[in-house]
Amino acid sequence: MGLMRSMIPNGKQLFKSQSLKKRNQCPSAPNLELVPKGHVAVYVGEQVEKKRFVVPISYLNHPLFRDFLRCAEEEFRFNHPMSGLTIPSREETFCSHYHLINSQLY
């Protein structure tokens, strides 16, 4: 019984492994999903169809993310078509930059 019990992860271990998996993925989220505290939703895409991502607010100060914000400012000013922060970038580019930022901050 003791051996089987030790093989089952406790809640803390399970949460840690799930958060590590999420950290290594690009954080796309359905439009109806609420944004957790400490995060911001952004819409990414160059076409009419844009994908929603939820990123930690700590990323906003990173130089790579600031480049995205500059592009958004140049293209949209304060008129964002998705009624939220829209980043005019290819989804693949955004995800690769997201992973670079993530590896530097964590």
C-alpha atoms as a PDB file:
ATOM      1  CA  MET A   1       0.000   0.000   0.000  1.00  0.00           C
ATOM      2  CA  GLY A   2       2.826   2.409   0.849  1.00  0.00           C
ATOM      3  CA  LEU A   3       4.536   1.753  -2.477  1.00  0.00           C
ATOM      4  CA  MET A   4       1.392   2.469  -4.489  1.00  0.00           C
ATOM      5  CA  ARG A   5       0.704   5.627  -2.506  1.00  0.00           C
ATOM      6  CA  SER A   6       4.143   7.044  -3.257  1.00  0.00           C
ATOM      7  CA  MET A   7       3.614   6.496  -6.987  1.00  0.00           C
ATOM      8  CA  ILE A   8       0.547   8.760  -7.030  1.00  0.00           C
ATOM      9  CA  PRO A   9       1.605  12.425  -7.267  1.00  0.00           C
ATOM     10  CA  ASN A  10       0.253  14.779  -4.656  1.00  0.00           C
ATOM     11  CA  GLY A  11      -1.619  17.934  -5.666  1.00  0.00           C
ATOM     12  CA  LYS A  12       1.455  20.151  -5.506  1.00  0.00           C
ATOM     13  CA  GLN A  13       3.480  17.851  -7.788  1.00  0.00           C
ATOM     14  CA  LEU A  14       0.581  17.558 -10.223  1.00  0.00           C
ATOM     15  CA  PHE A  15       0.107  21.354 -10.379  1.00  0.00           C
ATOM     16  CA  LYS A  16       3.851  21.886 -10.876  1.00  0.00           C
ATOM     17  CA  SER A  17       4.040  19.383 -13.755  1.00  0.00           C
ATOM     18  CA  GLN A  18       0.963  20.911 -15.421  1.00  0.00           C
ATOM     19  CA  SER A  19       2.320  24.450 -15.119  1.00  0.00           C
ATOM     20  CA  LEU A  20       5.654  23.346 -16.632  1.00  0.00           C
ATOM     21  CA  LYS A  21       3.793  21.809 -19.569  1.00  0.00           C
ATOM     22  CA  LYS A  22       1.794  25.012 -20.060  1.00  0.00           C
ATOM     23  CA  ARG A  23       4.929  27.150 -19.814  1.00  0.00           C
ATOM     24  CA  ASN A  24       6.470  25.287 -22.771  1.00  0.00           C
ATOM     25  CA  GLN A  25       3.400  25.797 -24.959  1.00  0.00           C
ATOM     26  CA  CYS A  26       2.327  28.911 -26.776  1.00  0.00           C
ATOM     27  CA  PRO A  27      -0.546  30.258 -24.656  1.00  0.00           C
ATOM     28  CA  SER A  28      -3.466  30.424 -27.072  1.00  0.00           C
ATOM     29  CA  ALA A  29      -6.874  30.644 -25.431  1.00  0.00           C
ATOM     30  CA  PRO A  30     -10.476  30.534 -26.602  1.00  0.00           C
ATOM     31  CA  ASN A  31     -12.172  33.925 -26.779  1.00  0.00           C
ATOM     32  CA  LEU A  32     -14.569  33.093 -23.958  1.00  0.00           C
ATOM     33  CA  GLU A  33     -11.846  32.129 -21.471  1.00  0.00           C
ATOM     34  CA  LEU A  34     -11.322  34.589 -18.627  1.00  0.00           C
ATOM     35  CA  VAL A  35      -7.927  36.194 -18.274  1.00  0.00           C
ATOM     36  CA  PRO A  36      -6.290  35.206 -14.978  1.00  0.00           C
ATOM     37  CA  LYS A  37      -4.922  37.831 -12.621  1.00  0.00           C
ATOM     38  CA  GLY A  38      -1.451  38.956 -13.686  1.00  0.00           C
ATOM     39  CA  HIS A  39      -2.048  38.192 -17.372  1.00  0.00           C
ATOM     40  CA  VAL A  40      -3.239  40.070 -20.441  1.00  0.00           C
ATOM     41  CA  ALA A  41      -5.069  38.845 -23.549  1.00  0.00           C
ATOM     42  CA  VAL A  42      -3.629  39.790 -26.932  1.00  0.00           C
ATOM     43  CA  TYR A  43      -4.874  39.042 -30.434  1.00  0.00           C
ATOM     44  CA  VAL A  44      -2.235  37.954 -32.944  1.00  0.00           C
ATOM     45  CA  GLY A  45      -2.435  37.723 -36.714  1.00  0.00           C
ATOM     46  CA  GLU A  46      -1.893  39.555 -39.966  1.00  0.00           C
ATOM     47  CA  GLN A  47      -5.139  38.444 -41.604  1.00  0.00           C
ATOM     48  CA  VAL A  48      -8.753  39.176 -40.680  1.00  0.00           C
ATOM     49  CA  GLU A  49      -8.778  36.014 -38.540  1.00  0.00           C
ATOM     50  CA  LYS A  50      -6.782  36.580 -35.347  1.00  0.00           C
ATOM     51  CA  LYS A  51      -5.918  34.171 -32.559  1.00  0.00           C
ATOM     52  CA  ARG A  52      -6.206  35.077 -28.877  1.00  0.00           C
ATOM     53  CA  PHE A  53      -3.272  34.498 -26.531  1.00  0.00           C
ATOM     54  CA  VAL A  54      -2.992  35.043 -22.785  1.00  0.00           C
ATOM     55  CA  VAL A  55       0.455  36.144 -21.604  1.00  0.00           C
ATOM     56  CA  PRO A  56       1.863  37.158 -18.207  1.00  0.00           C
ATOM     57  CA  ILE A  57       2.089  40.917 -17.721  1.00  0.00           C
ATOM     58  CA  SER A  58       5.765  40.504 -16.789  1.00  0.00           C
ATOM     59  CA  TYR A  59       6.414  39.884 -20.511  1.00  0.00           C
ATOM     60  CA  LEU A  60       5.287  43.413 -21.418  1.00  0.00           C
ATOM     61  CA  ASN A  61       8.615  44.900 -20.286  1.00  0.00           C
ATOM     62  CA  HIS A  62      10.745  42.464 -22.290  1.00  0.00           C
ATOM     63  CA  PRO A  63      12.457  44.042 -25.349  1.00  0.00           C
ATOM     64  CA  LEU A  64      11.051  41.418 -27.754  1.00  0.00           C
ATOM     65  CA  PHE A  65       7.507  42.015 -26.566  1.00  0.00           C
ATOM     66  CA  ARG A  66       8.032  45.785 -26.699  1.00  0.00           C
ATOM     67  CA  ASP A  67       8.831  45.366 -30.393  1.00  0.00           C
ATOM     68  CA  PHE A  68       5.406  43.768 -30.836  1.00  0.00           C
ATOM     69  CA  LEU A  69       3.819  46.667 -28.956  1.00  0.00           C
ATOM     70  CA  ARG A  70       5.597  49.213 -31.183  1.00  0.00           C
ATOM     71  CA  CYS A  71       4.291  47.440 -34.297  1.00  0.00           C
ATOM     72  CA  ALA A  72       0.780  47.450 -32.843  1.00  0.00           C
ATOM     73  CA  GLU A  73       1.052  51.151 -32.082  1.00  0.00           C
ATOM     74  CA  GLU A  74       2.287  51.962 -35.588  1.00  0.00           C
ATOM     75  CA  GLU A  75      -0.445  49.956 -37.292  1.00  0.00           C
ATOM     76  CA  PHE A  76      -3.485  50.489 -35.082  1.00  0.00           C
ATOM     77  CA  ARG A  77      -2.807  53.441 -32.759  1.00  0.00           C
ATOM     78  CA  PHE A  78      -5.765  53.265 -30.382  1.00  0.00           C
ATOM     79  CA  ASN A  79      -8.182  51.724 -32.874  1.00  0.00           C
ATOM     80  CA  HIS A  80      -7.754  47.984 -32.279  1.00  0.00           C
ATOM     81  CA  PRO A  81     -10.166  45.949 -34.431  1.00  0.00           C
ATOM     82  CA  MET A  82     -10.604  43.157 -31.865  1.00  0.00           C
ATOM     83  CA  SER A  83     -11.501  45.565 -29.028  1.00  0.00           C
ATOM     84  CA  GLY A  84      -8.322  44.422 -27.341  1.00  0.00           C
ATOM     85  CA  LEU A  85      -4.588  44.604 -27.820  1.00  0.00           C
ATOM     86  CA  THR A  86      -3.937  43.410 -31.372  1.00  0.00           C
ATOM     87  CA  ILE A  87      -0.436  42.467 -32.506  1.00  0.00           C
ATOM     88  CA  PRO A  88       0.131  42.500 -36.291  1.00  0.00           C
ATOM     89  CA  SER A  89       2.438  39.499 -36.520  1.00  0.00           C
ATOM     90  CA  ARG A  90       2.432  35.975 -37.868  1.00  0.00           C
ATOM     91  CA  GLU A  91       1.320  33.476 -35.255  1.00  0.00           C
ATOM     92  CA  GLU A  92       4.524  31.434 -35.687  1.00  0.00           C
ATOM     93  CA  THR A  93       6.672  34.530 -35.087  1.00  0.00           C
ATOM     94  CA  PHE A  94       4.723  35.428 -31.963  1.00  0.00           C
ATOM     95  CA  CYS A  95       5.070  31.883 -30.584  1.00  0.00           C
ATOM     96  CA  SER A  96       8.815  31.728 -31.233  1.00  0.00           C
ATOM     97  CA  HIS A  97       9.297  35.110 -29.517  1.00  0.00           C
ATOM     98  CA  TYR A  98       7.066  33.946 -26.662  1.00  0.00           C
ATOM     99  CA  HIS A  99       9.318  30.915 -26.139  1.00  0.00           C
ATOM    100  CA  LEU A 100      12.451  33.089 -26.214  1.00  0.00           C
ATOM    101  CA  ILE A 101      10.986  35.448 -23.624  1.00  0.00           C
ATOM    102  CA  ASN A 102       9.851  32.517 -21.501  1.00  0.00           C
ATOM    103  CA  SER A 103      13.309  30.925 -21.541  1.00  0.00           C
ATOM    104  CA  GLN A 104      14.949  34.195 -20.524  1.00  0.00           C
ATOM    105  CA  LEU A 105      12.512  34.993 -17.711  1.00  0.00           C
ATOM    106  CA  TYR A 106      12.090  31.487 -16.268  1.00  0.00           C
END
